[in-house]
Each structure stands twice: as C-alpha cells, then as structure tokens.
Amino acid sequence: MAENFIDFVKIYCRSGSGGAGSVHFRREKFVPKGGPDGGDGGRGAHIILKGNSNLWTLLHLKYRKHIYADNGKPGGGHGSNGAQGEDIILEVPLGTVAKNADTDEKLLEITEEGEEKILLEGGLGGLGNLHFKTSTNQAPRYAQPGVSGIEMPIVLELKLLADVGLVGFPNAGKSTLLSVVSAAKPKIADYAFTTLVPNLGVVAYRDMQSFVIADIPGIIEGAAEGKGLGIRFLRHIERNSVLLFMISAEAENIDKEYSVLLGELKKYNPELLDKERLLAITKSDLIDEELKELMASELPENVSFVFISSVAQIGLQELKDKLWQLLTK
C-alpha cells in the first residue's frame, strides 16, 4: 500500500503550438488572378486536468515525466482551416493541486468529480492571408504564424478531501479509531509510524448521515522542518474542516503534547489553527473515573475534549456527536 500511494509528482509539460496560417491564392480555370484564400491554422492542443473520484493517488502519473501535446495543423487553400491538436486529458484524484515547479505558483485545483480545467493552453492558430486583404492590398503574400505552446515544469500535489483530520503523535491510537468507527482497515501495530500513508474512512452517523475521517501519519516534534515523515503529510490536513487531536491517556503531560502538536501545525501553516478542534484522550479504559476527573482539570483550555477507548468502545458515540456538531456548526 505504502509504495502505491503517490501524492506528489513532477512532470515537464508542453501544450501544442498553433498551426501557421496559409498564404494561398485562388487558382481556377477562367480565374487567372483569384484573390487570397489561405485558411487559418488550427489551435494547438490543451493539456487538461479532470477530476476522477475513483482515483485516490497520483501513481498513474509517476512515470510520465514528459507530456507533449500535439501542434495544430497549418491552414490550406480555398479557405480551409487546419485541424486542431487533440487535447490531452489527465485524470487526477479529487483534491489535486497543480503548481508551477519553478515559481511554486498555484495554477489550479481539482475538487469535484468530472471537473475539467485547462492546465496549459494550446497556442492559437495563425490567420491565413484571406484575412489581410484590403482595398489597397488585394494580394497579401503573408499570413500569421501560429502562437507557440507553453512549456513548464508542473508539480501535482494531492491533498486528501476529508471532513475530519486525525492529528497526533505516532502510536496515539489514530488508526485503531479509524478501524473501529469506519470500514477502513489501516495497518495497526504497537510501534511508531505504523501508518505510512494516509487512510480515509467513512463514518456512519445518525439518520443515514456520514462524514469522512483521514488518518494521517503521526506528527513528531520538528515535523514542520521535515523530521520524521515531515511535511509530506501535513498538506493533507489543510483541507479538513475539523482537526481531531488524539493524545494517549498514558502521556506524561497531555497539555505539553497538545502544545507541541499545535506548534507544528502553526509552523507549517498558521491558518490551520483557524479550524475547529476537538481533543480525544485515547486508551482511557486504562484509567478510572477519579483519574479522569483529575486529568480533566489539567487539560488545555479553549478546546472541547472527550475520553475514548477504541478497543473498549468507550466514548465513541459522544465523539461522533461532538464531531458532527463541529462539522455542522
């Protein structure tokens, strides 16, 4: 699974150039000096991105290092226009962002099924000499060349589309929660970085409602600077409406761990702190009610919290209720 999840590819792209306009004159029997009738060149091919909800990785584009679109055909005589280049349509997962690899400028993003956006426009075809005839120039011997296509190194980044993003240190119980509240089957084991790729799960809620949770590889201190799995997966949190912070009841200092997690998100993108937040204390089946009350008094302020245990099925409905309230706020 890990080697098949590709959320970043770099491709060198070139759209098609427009075809040249034609310099041609009408030549028929009994019309020895016919006027200009050169046709226009065809438009160069576009490179287009199209959203496909059945894709969840950019793996299919990993080995396409160069994408060159067809040029438009030149115009012909008798006013005939050249054919357009055949557009190249690249299907991508929903949540794909395209950037100029040289400048990091965002060009477009695809978020809906079937949505099509032009990544690089093909060049316009040149006008034939038919267009340049005037009362003082009855026989123009020139036409426009086609407009060149656009060449650019493109970076495609996938940012998962989910309602809730799980944020926590490795081994905080994120994958276990996802496996219990949804049909997702992430790899689970009792060691750090079990999750090497993001996992999505659909959580069924009351009255046939549902929402999507993304289990993202655990954050470690320094992730924003590239330590551990680094910022590679922090981008997937950017699209989530709600961030569910998960900290184990076994942690020595829950308030400190929460502050570290917030700090990493702030260093990566301060706007992440504007999202709705909920704190889940995991593995709470290991502590009694008296200890829960004591811990509650020491939890971070300004964030709602819930004690849960995925294994013992404790607090999960309360968790879903609170997440739903935040999602529909």
C-alpha atoms as a PDB file:
ATOM      1  CA  MET A   1       0.000   0.000   0.000  1.00  0.00           C
ATOM      2  CA  ALA A   2       2.684   2.493   1.004  1.00  0.00           C
ATOM      3  CA  GLU A   3       4.585   2.221  -2.246  1.00  0.00           C
ATOM      4  CA  ASN A   4       1.351   2.654  -4.198  1.00  0.00           C
ATOM      5  CA  PHE A   5       0.335   5.903  -2.515  1.00  0.00           C
ATOM      6  CA  ILE A   6       1.869   8.738  -4.511  1.00  0.00           C
ATOM      7  CA  ASP A   7       0.747  12.247  -3.570  1.00  0.00           C
ATOM      8  CA  PHE A   8       3.450  14.280  -5.354  1.00  0.00           C
ATOM      9  CA  VAL A   9       4.659  14.102  -8.968  1.00  0.00           C
ATOM     10  CA  LYS A  10       6.687  16.438 -11.158  1.00  0.00           C
ATOM     11  CA  ILE A  11       6.069  16.455 -14.903  1.00  0.00           C
ATOM     12  CA  TYR A  12       7.504  18.534 -17.721  1.00  0.00           C
ATOM     13  CA  CYS A  13       4.563  19.659 -19.867  1.00  0.00           C
ATOM     14  CA  ARG A  14       4.243  21.409 -23.200  1.00  0.00           C
ATOM     15  CA  SER A  15       0.978  22.391 -24.823  1.00  0.00           C
ATOM     16  CA  GLY A  16       0.639  22.328 -28.593  1.00  0.00           C
ATOM     17  CA  SER A  17       1.642  25.252 -30.811  1.00  0.00           C
ATOM     18  CA  GLY A  18      -0.881  26.725 -33.197  1.00  0.00           C
ATOM     19  CA  GLY A  19      -0.637  25.910 -36.876  1.00  0.00           C
ATOM     20  CA  ALA A  20       0.522  28.583 -39.312  1.00  0.00           C
ATOM     21  CA  GLY A  21      -1.953  30.445 -41.445  1.00  0.00           C
ATOM     22  CA  SER A  22      -1.761  29.731 -45.180  1.00  0.00           C
ATOM     23  CA  VAL A  23      -0.576  32.058 -47.942  1.00  0.00           C
ATOM     24  CA  HIS A  24      -2.653  30.870 -50.885  1.00  0.00           C
ATOM     25  CA  PHE A  25      -4.470  32.374 -53.857  1.00  0.00           C
ATOM     26  CA  ARG A  26      -7.494  31.155 -55.687  1.00  0.00           C
ATOM     27  CA  ARG A  27      -6.376  29.489 -58.899  1.00  0.00           C
ATOM     28  CA  GLU A  28      -9.105  28.110 -61.122  1.00  0.00           C
ATOM     29  CA  LYS A  29      -9.809  27.876 -64.822  1.00  0.00           C
ATOM     30  CA  PHE A  30     -11.020  31.221 -66.147  1.00  0.00           C
ATOM     31  CA  VAL A  31      -9.940  32.898 -62.845  1.00  0.00           C
ATOM     32  CA  PRO A  32      -6.310  33.722 -63.588  1.00  0.00           C
ATOM     33  CA  LYS A  33      -5.975  36.302 -60.816  1.00  0.00           C
ATOM     34  CA  GLY A  34      -8.125  34.994 -57.966  1.00  0.00           C
ATOM     35  CA  GLY A  35      -7.856  36.655 -54.605  1.00  0.00           C
ATOM     36  CA  PRO A  36      -6.254  35.299 -51.422  1.00  0.00           C
ATOM     37  CA  ASP A  37      -7.959  32.238 -49.921  1.00  0.00           C
ATOM     38  CA  GLY A  38      -5.430  30.954 -47.382  1.00  0.00           C
ATOM     39  CA  GLY A  39      -7.104  29.325 -44.370  1.00  0.00           C
ATOM     40  CA  ASP A  40      -6.257  29.640 -40.672  1.00  0.00           C
ATOM     41  CA  GLY A  41      -4.008  27.326 -38.739  1.00  0.00           C
ATOM     42  CA  GLY A  42      -5.538  25.019 -36.134  1.00  0.00           C
ATOM     43  CA  ARG A  43      -5.258  25.607 -32.395  1.00  0.00           C
ATOM     44  CA  GLY A  44      -2.582  23.679 -30.545  1.00  0.00           C
ATOM     45  CA  ALA A  45      -3.747  21.037 -28.101  1.00  0.00           C
ATOM     46  CA  HIS A  46      -4.532  21.949 -24.491  1.00  0.00           C
ATOM     47  CA  ILE A  47      -3.341  19.919 -21.514  1.00  0.00           C
ATOM     48  CA  ILE A  48      -6.369  19.470 -19.262  1.00  0.00           C
ATOM     49  CA  LEU A  49      -6.847  18.069 -15.753  1.00  0.00           C
ATOM     50  CA  LYS A  50     -10.075  16.191 -14.993  1.00  0.00           C
ATOM     51  CA  GLY A  51     -11.338  15.072 -11.592  1.00  0.00           C
ATOM     52  CA  ASN A  52     -11.966  11.359 -11.092  1.00  0.00           C
ATOM     53  CA  SER A  53     -13.412  10.265  -7.737  1.00  0.00           C
ATOM     54  CA  ASN A  54     -12.293   6.679  -8.370  1.00  0.00           C
ATOM     55  CA  LEU A  55      -8.642   7.722  -8.142  1.00  0.00           C
ATOM     56  CA  TRP A  56      -7.002   8.349  -4.767  1.00  0.00           C
ATOM     57  CA  THR A  57      -3.342   8.533  -5.755  1.00  0.00           C
ATOM     58  CA  LEU A  58      -1.137  10.086  -8.452  1.00  0.00           C
ATOM     59  CA  LEU A  59       0.636   6.762  -9.025  1.00  0.00           C
ATOM     60  CA  HIS A  60      -0.561   6.539 -12.653  1.00  0.00           C
ATOM     61  CA  LEU A  61       1.340   9.754 -13.451  1.00  0.00           C
ATOM     62  CA  LYS A  62       4.536   8.924 -11.578  1.00  0.00           C
ATOM     63  CA  TYR A  63       6.386   7.625 -14.638  1.00  0.00           C
ATOM     64  CA  ARG A  64       5.046  10.138 -17.186  1.00  0.00           C
ATOM     65  CA  LYS A  65       7.990  12.524 -16.946  1.00  0.00           C
ATOM     66  CA  HIS A  66       7.187  14.403 -20.157  1.00  0.00           C
ATOM     67  CA  ILE A  67       3.800  15.263 -21.619  1.00  0.00           C
ATOM     68  CA  TYR A  68       3.861  16.946 -25.015  1.00  0.00           C
ATOM     69  CA  ALA A  69       0.584  17.894 -26.693  1.00  0.00           C
ATOM     70  CA  ASP A  70       0.042  17.909 -30.463  1.00  0.00           C
ATOM     71  CA  ASN A  71       0.500  21.037 -32.560  1.00  0.00           C
ATOM     72  CA  GLY A  72      -2.304  22.446 -34.653  1.00  0.00           C
ATOM     73  CA  LYS A  73      -2.157  21.748 -38.388  1.00  0.00           C
ATOM     74  CA  PRO A  74      -1.401  24.593 -40.840  1.00  0.00           C
ATOM     75  CA  GLY A  75      -4.159  26.179 -42.864  1.00  0.00           C
ATOM     76  CA  GLY A  76      -4.726  25.260 -46.508  1.00  0.00           C
ATOM     77  CA  GLY A  77      -6.022  26.806 -49.701  1.00  0.00           C
ATOM     78  CA  HIS A  78      -9.651  27.513 -50.595  1.00  0.00           C
ATOM     79  CA  GLY A  79     -10.228  28.897 -47.092  1.00  0.00           C
ATOM     80  CA  SER A  80      -9.733  25.533 -45.402  1.00  0.00           C
ATOM     81  CA  ASN A  81      -8.606  25.743 -41.790  1.00  0.00           C
ATOM     82  CA  GLY A  82      -6.066  23.428 -40.227  1.00  0.00           C
ATOM     83  CA  ALA A  83      -7.177  20.783 -37.729  1.00  0.00           C
ATOM     84  CA  GLN A  84      -6.822  21.427 -34.012  1.00  0.00           C
ATOM     85  CA  GLY A  85      -4.374  19.382 -31.974  1.00  0.00           C
ATOM     86  CA  GLU A  86      -6.031  16.638 -29.924  1.00  0.00           C
ATOM     87  CA  ASP A  87      -6.259  17.777 -26.295  1.00  0.00           C
ATOM     88  CA  ILE A  88      -4.566  15.679 -23.620  1.00  0.00           C
ATOM     89  CA  ILE A  89      -6.806  14.987 -20.635  1.00  0.00           C
ATOM     90  CA  LEU A  90      -5.078  13.835 -17.449  1.00  0.00           C
ATOM     91  CA  GLU A  91      -7.416  12.290 -14.893  1.00  0.00           C
ATOM     92  CA  VAL A  92      -6.465  13.096 -11.300  1.00  0.00           C
ATOM     93  CA  PRO A  93      -7.893  12.406  -7.827  1.00  0.00           C
ATOM     94  CA  LEU A  94     -10.132  14.989  -6.214  1.00  0.00           C
ATOM     95  CA  GLY A  95      -8.007  17.338  -4.132  1.00  0.00           C
ATOM     96  CA  THR A  96      -5.179  17.652  -6.684  1.00  0.00           C
ATOM     97  CA  VAL A  97      -3.355  20.987  -6.839  1.00  0.00           C
ATOM     98  CA  ALA A  98      -1.201  21.966  -9.838  1.00  0.00           C
ATOM     99  CA  LYS A  99       1.725  24.357  -9.394  1.00  0.00           C
ATOM    100  CA  ASN A 100       4.487  25.861 -11.499  1.00  0.00           C
ATOM    101  CA  ALA A 101       7.503  23.874 -10.290  1.00  0.00           C
ATOM    102  CA  ASP A 102       9.873  26.819 -10.849  1.00  0.00           C
ATOM    103  CA  THR A 103       7.916  29.528  -9.030  1.00  0.00           C
ATOM    104  CA  ASP A 104       5.638  27.434  -6.761  1.00  0.00           C
ATOM    105  CA  GLU A 105       2.720  29.488  -8.129  1.00  0.00           C
ATOM    106  CA  LYS A 106      -0.601  27.697  -7.759  1.00  0.00           C
ATOM    107  CA  LEU A 107      -2.194  27.246 -11.179  1.00  0.00           C
ATOM    108  CA  LEU A 108      -5.417  25.384 -10.387  1.00  0.00           C
ATOM    109  CA  GLU A 109      -7.004  22.727  -8.210  1.00  0.00           C
ATOM    110  CA  ILE A 110      -9.498  19.977  -8.904  1.00  0.00           C
ATOM    111  CA  THR A 111     -12.076  19.228  -6.208  1.00  0.00           C
ATOM    112  CA  GLU A 112     -15.155  17.829  -7.979  1.00  0.00           C
ATOM    113  CA  GLU A 113     -15.975  14.699  -9.956  1.00  0.00           C
ATOM    114  CA  GLY A 114     -15.799  15.323 -13.713  1.00  0.00           C
ATOM    115  CA  GLU A 115     -14.449  18.860 -13.242  1.00  0.00           C
ATOM    116  CA  GLU A 116     -12.161  19.879 -16.117  1.00  0.00           C
ATOM    117  CA  LYS A 117      -9.679  22.745 -16.051  1.00  0.00           C
ATOM    118  CA  ILE A 118      -7.071  23.729 -18.623  1.00  0.00           C
ATOM    119  CA  LEU A 119      -3.601  23.351 -17.144  1.00  0.00           C
ATOM    120  CA  LEU A 120      -1.713  24.703 -20.185  1.00  0.00           C
ATOM    121  CA  GLU A 121      -3.494  26.319 -23.113  1.00  0.00           C
ATOM    122  CA  GLY A 122      -2.542  25.398 -26.636  1.00  0.00           C
ATOM    123  CA  GLY A 123      -1.334  28.200 -28.901  1.00  0.00           C
ATOM    124  CA  LEU A 124      -3.789  29.897 -31.243  1.00  0.00           C
ATOM    125  CA  GLY A 125      -3.567  29.131 -34.925  1.00  0.00           C
ATOM    126  CA  GLY A 126      -2.340  31.900 -37.235  1.00  0.00           C
ATOM    127  CA  LEU A 127      -4.700  33.722 -39.575  1.00  0.00           C
ATOM    128  CA  GLY A 128      -4.422  32.944 -43.290  1.00  0.00           C
ATOM    129  CA  ASN A 129      -3.815  35.636 -45.904  1.00  0.00           C
ATOM    130  CA  LEU A 130      -7.546  35.674 -46.614  1.00  0.00           C
ATOM    131  CA  HIS A 131      -7.888  37.942 -43.556  1.00  0.00           C
ATOM    132  CA  PHE A 132      -5.371  40.515 -44.723  1.00  0.00           C
ATOM    133  CA  LYS A 133      -6.912  41.557 -47.996  1.00  0.00           C
ATOM    134  CA  THR A 134      -7.692  45.282 -48.150  1.00  0.00           C
ATOM    135  CA  SER A 135      -8.710  47.737 -50.831  1.00  0.00           C
ATOM    136  CA  THR A 136      -5.085  48.789 -51.185  1.00  0.00           C
ATOM    137  CA  ASN A 137      -3.559  45.339 -50.785  1.00  0.00           C
ATOM    138  CA  GLN A 138      -5.532  42.951 -52.944  1.00  0.00           C
ATOM    139  CA  ALA A 139      -2.958  40.151 -52.839  1.00  0.00           C
ATOM    140  CA  PRO A 140      -1.308  39.901 -49.383  1.00  0.00           C
ATOM    141  CA  ARG A 141       1.611  37.484 -49.522  1.00  0.00           C
ATOM    142  CA  TYR A 142       1.851  36.923 -45.820  1.00  0.00           C
ATOM    143  CA  ALA A 143      -0.071  35.143 -43.057  1.00  0.00           C
ATOM    144  CA  GLN A 144       0.297  34.792 -39.301  1.00  0.00           C
ATOM    145  CA  PRO A 145       2.452  32.088 -37.797  1.00  0.00           C
ATOM    146  CA  GLY A 146       0.826  30.038 -35.052  1.00  0.00           C
ATOM    147  CA  VAL A 147       1.304  31.000 -31.399  1.00  0.00           C
ATOM    148  CA  SER A 148       3.798  28.778 -29.603  1.00  0.00           C
ATOM    149  CA  GLY A 149       2.608  26.388 -26.932  1.00  0.00           C
ATOM    150  CA  ILE A 150       3.508  26.803 -23.254  1.00  0.00           C
ATOM    151  CA  GLU A 151       6.378  24.815 -21.725  1.00  0.00           C
ATOM    152  CA  MET A 152       6.507  24.440 -17.961  1.00  0.00           C
ATOM    153  CA  PRO A 153       7.606  22.001 -15.272  1.00  0.00           C
ATOM    154  CA  ILE A 154       4.458  21.154 -13.329  1.00  0.00           C
ATOM    155  CA  VAL A 155       4.101  19.802  -9.806  1.00  0.00           C
ATOM    156  CA  LEU A 156       0.918  17.931  -8.955  1.00  0.00           C
ATOM    157  CA  GLU A 157       0.155  17.605  -5.241  1.00  0.00           C
ATOM    158  CA  LEU A 158      -2.684  15.596  -3.773  1.00  0.00           C
ATOM    159  CA  LYS A 159      -4.377  16.939  -0.650  1.00  0.00           C
ATOM    160  CA  LEU A 160      -6.906  14.468   0.641  1.00  0.00           C
ATOM    161  CA  LEU A 161     -10.510  15.628   0.837  1.00  0.00           C
ATOM    162  CA  ALA A 162     -11.878  14.689   4.252  1.00  0.00           C
ATOM    163  CA  ASP A 163     -14.117  16.305   6.853  1.00  0.00           C
ATOM    164  CA  VAL A 164     -12.043  15.355   9.897  1.00  0.00           C
ATOM    165  CA  GLY A 165      -8.258  15.028  10.099  1.00  0.00           C
ATOM    166  CA  LEU A 166      -6.658  12.995  12.880  1.00  0.00           C
ATOM    167  CA  VAL A 167      -3.689  14.767  14.448  1.00  0.00           C
ATOM    168  CA  GLY A 168      -1.393  13.130  16.959  1.00  0.00           C
ATOM    169  CA  PHE A 169       1.959  11.618  17.722  1.00  0.00           C
ATOM    170  CA  PRO A 170       2.804   8.157  16.398  1.00  0.00           C
ATOM    171  CA  ASN A 171       1.045   5.366  18.272  1.00  0.00           C
ATOM    172  CA  ALA A 172      -1.674   7.645  19.675  1.00  0.00           C
ATOM    173  CA  GLY A 173      -4.427   5.286  18.516  1.00  0.00           C
ATOM    174  CA  LYS A 174      -5.477   7.086  15.329  1.00  0.00           C
ATOM    175  CA  SER A 175      -5.519   4.005  13.106  1.00  0.00           C
ATOM    176  CA  THR A 176      -7.319   1.961  15.753  1.00  0.00           C
ATOM    177  CA  LEU A 177     -10.050   4.590  15.999  1.00  0.00           C
ATOM    178  CA  LEU A 178     -10.462   4.697  12.226  1.00  0.00           C
ATOM    179  CA  SER A 179     -10.754   0.893  12.051  1.00  0.00           C
ATOM    180  CA  VAL A 180     -13.460   0.891  14.741  1.00  0.00           C
ATOM    181  CA  VAL A 181     -15.673   3.785  13.578  1.00  0.00           C
ATOM    182  CA  SER A 182     -15.430   3.108   9.829  1.00  0.00           C
ATOM    183  CA  ALA A 183     -14.922   0.255   7.392  1.00  0.00           C
ATOM    184  CA  ALA A 184     -11.314   1.287   6.730  1.00  0.00           C
ATOM    185  CA  LYS A 185      -8.667  -1.317   7.515  1.00  0.00           C
ATOM    186  CA  PRO A 186      -5.426   0.559   8.241  1.00  0.00           C
ATOM    187  CA  LYS A 187      -2.333  -1.317   9.407  1.00  0.00           C
ATOM    188  CA  ILE A 188      -2.208  -1.323  13.203  1.00  0.00           C
ATOM    189  CA  ALA A 189       0.672  -2.281  15.495  1.00  0.00           C
ATOM    190  CA  ASP A 190       2.168  -1.102  18.774  1.00  0.00           C
ATOM    191  CA  TYR A 191       5.072   0.911  17.409  1.00  0.00           C
ATOM    192  CA  ALA A 192       5.669   4.334  15.924  1.00  0.00           C
ATOM    193  CA  PHE A 193       4.925   5.131  12.275  1.00  0.00           C
ATOM    194  CA  THR A 194       2.745   2.099  11.624  1.00  0.00           C
ATOM    195  CA  THR A 195       0.781   4.402   9.315  1.00  0.00           C
ATOM    196  CA  LEU A 196       2.981   5.327   6.379  1.00  0.00           C
ATOM    197  CA  VAL A 197       0.234   6.595   4.084  1.00  0.00           C
ATOM    198  CA  PRO A 198      -2.992   8.491   4.799  1.00  0.00           C
ATOM    199  CA  ASN A 199      -6.109   6.358   5.175  1.00  0.00           C
ATOM    200  CA  LEU A 200      -9.671   7.525   4.583  1.00  0.00           C
ATOM    201  CA  GLY A 201     -12.710   6.122   6.345  1.00  0.00           C
ATOM    202  CA  VAL A 202     -16.417   6.953   6.035  1.00  0.00           C
ATOM    203  CA  VAL A 203     -18.110   7.181   9.440  1.00  0.00           C
ATOM    204  CA  ALA A 204     -21.829   6.370   9.557  1.00  0.00           C
ATOM    205  CA  TYR A 205     -23.790   8.770  11.750  1.00  0.00           C
ATOM    206  CA  ARG A 206     -27.396   9.147  12.873  1.00  0.00           C
ATOM    207  CA  ASP A 207     -30.257   9.431  10.360  1.00  0.00           C
ATOM    208  CA  MET A 208     -28.215   7.986   7.485  1.00  0.00           C
ATOM    209  CA  GLN A 209     -25.692  10.833   7.677  1.00  0.00           C
ATOM    210  CA  SER A 210     -21.956  10.273   7.288  1.00  0.00           C
ATOM    211  CA  PHE A 211     -18.623  12.064   7.303  1.00  0.00           C
ATOM    212  CA  VAL A 212     -15.089  11.248   6.190  1.00  0.00           C
ATOM    213  CA  ILE A 213     -12.097  10.908   8.519  1.00  0.00           C
ATOM    214  CA  ALA A 214      -8.469  10.983   7.337  1.00  0.00           C
ATOM    215  CA  ASP A 215      -5.878   9.117   9.397  1.00  0.00           C
ATOM    216  CA  ILE A 216      -2.609  10.897   8.708  1.00  0.00           C
ATOM    217  CA  PRO A 217       0.849   9.578   9.679  1.00  0.00           C
ATOM    218  CA  GLY A 218       1.850  10.694  13.157  1.00  0.00           C
ATOM    219  CA  ILE A 219       3.499  14.036  13.758  1.00  0.00           C
ATOM    220  CA  ILE A 220       6.731  14.293  15.706  1.00  0.00           C
ATOM    221  CA  GLU A 221       8.334  17.421  17.102  1.00  0.00           C
ATOM    222  CA  GLY A 222      10.163  19.053  14.197  1.00  0.00           C
ATOM    223  CA  ALA A 223       7.810  17.673  11.539  1.00  0.00           C
ATOM    224  CA  ALA A 224       7.347  21.132  10.029  1.00  0.00           C
ATOM    225  CA  GLU A 225      11.104  21.219   9.400  1.00  0.00           C
ATOM    226  CA  GLY A 226      10.988  17.815   7.726  1.00  0.00           C
ATOM    227  CA  LYS A 227      11.840  15.486  10.601  1.00  0.00           C
ATOM    228  CA  GLY A 228      10.244  12.052  10.749  1.00  0.00           C
ATOM    229  CA  LEU A 229       7.805  11.804   7.863  1.00  0.00           C
ATOM    230  CA  GLY A 230       7.992  15.605   7.852  1.00  0.00           C
ATOM    231  CA  ILE A 231       5.708  17.959   5.999  1.00  0.00           C
ATOM    232  CA  ARG A 232       4.962  15.362   3.348  1.00  0.00           C
ATOM    233  CA  PHE A 233       1.681  14.505   5.038  1.00  0.00           C
ATOM    234  CA  LEU A 234       0.888  17.784   6.788  1.00  0.00           C
ATOM    235  CA  ARG A 235      -0.568  19.025   3.495  1.00  0.00           C
ATOM    236  CA  HIS A 236      -3.398  16.519   3.852  1.00  0.00           C
ATOM    237  CA  ILE A 237      -4.640  18.327   6.967  1.00  0.00           C
ATOM    238  CA  GLU A 238      -5.127  21.575   5.041  1.00  0.00           C
ATOM    239  CA  ARG A 239      -8.484  20.587   3.549  1.00  0.00           C
ATOM    240  CA  ASN A 240     -10.072  19.137   6.706  1.00  0.00           C
ATOM    241  CA  SER A 241     -12.890  21.123   8.313  1.00  0.00           C
ATOM    242  CA  VAL A 242     -12.229  19.757  11.807  1.00  0.00           C
ATOM    243  CA  LEU A 243      -8.984  18.609  13.412  1.00  0.00           C
ATOM    244  CA  LEU A 244      -9.301  15.805  15.971  1.00  0.00           C
ATOM    245  CA  PHE A 245      -6.257  15.875  18.240  1.00  0.00           C
ATOM    246  CA  MET A 246      -5.574  12.459  19.738  1.00  0.00           C
ATOM    247  CA  ILE A 247      -3.335  12.036  22.779  1.00  0.00           C
ATOM    248  CA  SER A 248      -2.942   8.854  24.795  1.00  0.00           C
ATOM    249  CA  ALA A 249      -4.034   8.777  28.426  1.00  0.00           C
ATOM    250  CA  GLU A 250      -0.588   7.252  29.043  1.00  0.00           C
ATOM    251  CA  ALA A 251       1.127  10.524  28.065  1.00  0.00           C
ATOM    252  CA  GLU A 252       3.184  12.143  30.807  1.00  0.00           C
ATOM    253  CA  ASN A 253       1.921  15.644  30.033  1.00  0.00           C
ATOM    254  CA  ILE A 254      -1.154  15.933  27.799  1.00  0.00           C
ATOM    255  CA  ASP A 255      -1.108  19.747  27.828  1.00  0.00           C
ATOM    256  CA  LYS A 256       2.516  19.794  26.627  1.00  0.00           C
ATOM    257  CA  GLU A 257       1.872  17.245  23.863  1.00  0.00           C
ATOM    258  CA  TYR A 258      -1.119  19.258  22.671  1.00  0.00           C
ATOM    259  CA  SER A 259       1.023  22.419  22.591  1.00  0.00           C
ATOM    260  CA  VAL A 260       3.727  20.654  20.556  1.00  0.00           C
ATOM    261  CA  LEU A 261       1.154  19.420  18.034  1.00  0.00           C
ATOM    262  CA  LEU A 262      -0.339  22.914  17.726  1.00  0.00           C
ATOM    263  CA  GLY A 263       3.157  24.353  17.313  1.00  0.00           C
ATOM    264  CA  GLU A 264       3.996  22.020  14.423  1.00  0.00           C
ATOM    265  CA  LEU A 265       0.765  22.900  12.622  1.00  0.00           C
ATOM    266  CA  LYS A 266       1.374  26.617  13.162  1.00  0.00           C
ATOM    267  CA  LYS A 267       4.925  26.396  11.763  1.00  0.00           C
ATOM    268  CA  TYR A 268       3.658  24.558   8.700  1.00  0.00           C
ATOM    269  CA  ASN A 269       0.623  26.766   8.051  1.00  0.00           C
ATOM    270  CA  PRO A 270      -0.762  29.225  10.666  1.00  0.00           C
ATOM    271  CA  GLU A 271      -4.197  29.065   9.008  1.00  0.00           C
ATOM    272  CA  LEU A 272      -4.581  25.510  10.307  1.00  0.00           C
ATOM    273  CA  LEU A 273      -5.154  26.964  13.765  1.00  0.00           C
ATOM    274  CA  ASP A 274      -8.351  28.617  12.497  1.00  0.00           C
ATOM    275  CA  LYS A 275     -10.025  25.220  12.051  1.00  0.00           C
ATOM    276  CA  GLU A 276     -12.420  23.706  14.552  1.00  0.00           C
ATOM    277  CA  ARG A 277     -10.646  21.423  17.068  1.00  0.00           C
ATOM    278  CA  LEU A 278     -11.567  18.591  19.376  1.00  0.00           C
ATOM    279  CA  LEU A 279      -9.270  16.746  21.769  1.00  0.00           C
ATOM    280  CA  ALA A 280      -9.715  12.998  22.294  1.00  0.00           C
ATOM    281  CA  ILE A 281      -7.905  11.319  25.196  1.00  0.00           C
ATOM    282  CA  THR A 282      -7.349   7.788  23.886  1.00  0.00           C
ATOM    283  CA  LYS A 283      -6.814   4.493  25.715  1.00  0.00           C
ATOM    284  CA  SER A 284      -8.995   5.854  28.533  1.00  0.00           C
ATOM    285  CA  ASP A 285     -10.019   2.316  29.506  1.00  0.00           C
ATOM    286  CA  LEU A 286      -6.666   2.247  31.319  1.00  0.00           C
ATOM    287  CA  ILE A 287      -7.721   4.922  33.848  1.00  0.00           C
ATOM    288  CA  ASP A 288     -10.576   5.113  36.379  1.00  0.00           C
ATOM    289  CA  GLU A 289     -13.179   7.853  36.818  1.00  0.00           C
ATOM    290  CA  GLU A 290     -11.271   9.542  39.626  1.00  0.00           C
ATOM    291  CA  LEU A 291      -8.178   9.875  37.461  1.00  0.00           C
ATOM    292  CA  LYS A 292     -10.291  11.151  34.558  1.00  0.00           C
ATOM    293  CA  GLU A 293     -11.630  13.956  36.761  1.00  0.00           C
ATOM    294  CA  LEU A 294      -8.118  14.833  37.863  1.00  0.00           C
ATOM    295  CA  MET A 295      -6.841  14.831  34.256  1.00  0.00           C
ATOM    296  CA  ALA A 296      -9.799  16.912  33.057  1.00  0.00           C
ATOM    297  CA  SER A 297      -8.792  19.732  35.380  1.00  0.00           C
ATOM    298  CA  GLU A 298      -5.327  19.797  33.813  1.00  0.00           C
ATOM    299  CA  LEU A 299      -6.331  19.588  30.130  1.00  0.00           C
ATOM    300  CA  PRO A 300      -5.695  22.512  27.741  1.00  0.00           C
ATOM    301  CA  GLU A 301      -8.190  25.338  27.916  1.00  0.00           C
ATOM    302  CA  ASN A 302     -10.270  26.563  24.960  1.00  0.00           C
ATOM    303  CA  VAL A 303     -10.684  23.118  23.428  1.00  0.00           C
ATOM    304  CA  SER A 304     -13.502  20.648  23.972  1.00  0.00           C
ATOM    305  CA  PHE A 305     -12.403  17.146  24.965  1.00  0.00           C
ATOM    306  CA  VAL A 306     -13.723  13.612  25.226  1.00  0.00           C
ATOM    307  CA  PHE A 307     -12.322  10.461  26.817  1.00  0.00           C
ATOM    308  CA  ILE A 308     -12.427   7.489  24.459  1.00  0.00           C
ATOM    309  CA  SER A 309     -11.229   3.930  24.087  1.00  0.00           C
ATOM    310  CA  SER A 310     -11.451   2.407  20.629  1.00  0.00           C
ATOM    311  CA  VAL A 311     -10.721  -1.096  21.916  1.00  0.00           C
ATOM    312  CA  ALA A 312     -13.251  -0.978  24.770  1.00  0.00           C
ATOM    313  CA  GLN A 313     -15.764   1.046  22.697  1.00  0.00           C
ATOM    314  CA  ILE A 314     -15.897   3.830  25.305  1.00  0.00           C
ATOM    315  CA  GLY A 315     -16.997   7.365  24.403  1.00  0.00           C
ATOM    316  CA  LEU A 316     -17.216   6.736  20.643  1.00  0.00           C
ATOM    317  CA  GLN A 317     -20.818   7.915  20.220  1.00  0.00           C
ATOM    318  CA  GLU A 318     -20.060  11.057  22.233  1.00  0.00           C
ATOM    319  CA  LEU A 319     -17.024  11.596  19.996  1.00  0.00           C
ATOM    320  CA  LYS A 320     -19.113  11.276  16.833  1.00  0.00           C
ATOM    321  CA  ASP A 321     -21.758  13.625  18.240  1.00  0.00           C
ATOM    322  CA  LYS A 322     -19.177  16.297  19.032  1.00  0.00           C
ATOM    323  CA  LEU A 323     -17.505  15.943  15.635  1.00  0.00           C
ATOM    324  CA  TRP A 324     -20.874  16.248  13.891  1.00  0.00           C
ATOM    325  CA  GLN A 325     -21.705  19.396  15.898  1.00  0.00           C
ATOM    326  CA  LEU A 326     -18.419  20.955  14.804  1.00  0.00           C
ATOM    327  CA  LEU A 327     -18.911  19.907  11.161  1.00  0.00           C
ATOM    328  CA  THR A 328     -22.395  21.423  11.019  1.00  0.00           C
ATOM    329  CA  LYS A 329     -21.537  24.495  13.102  1.00  0.00           C
END
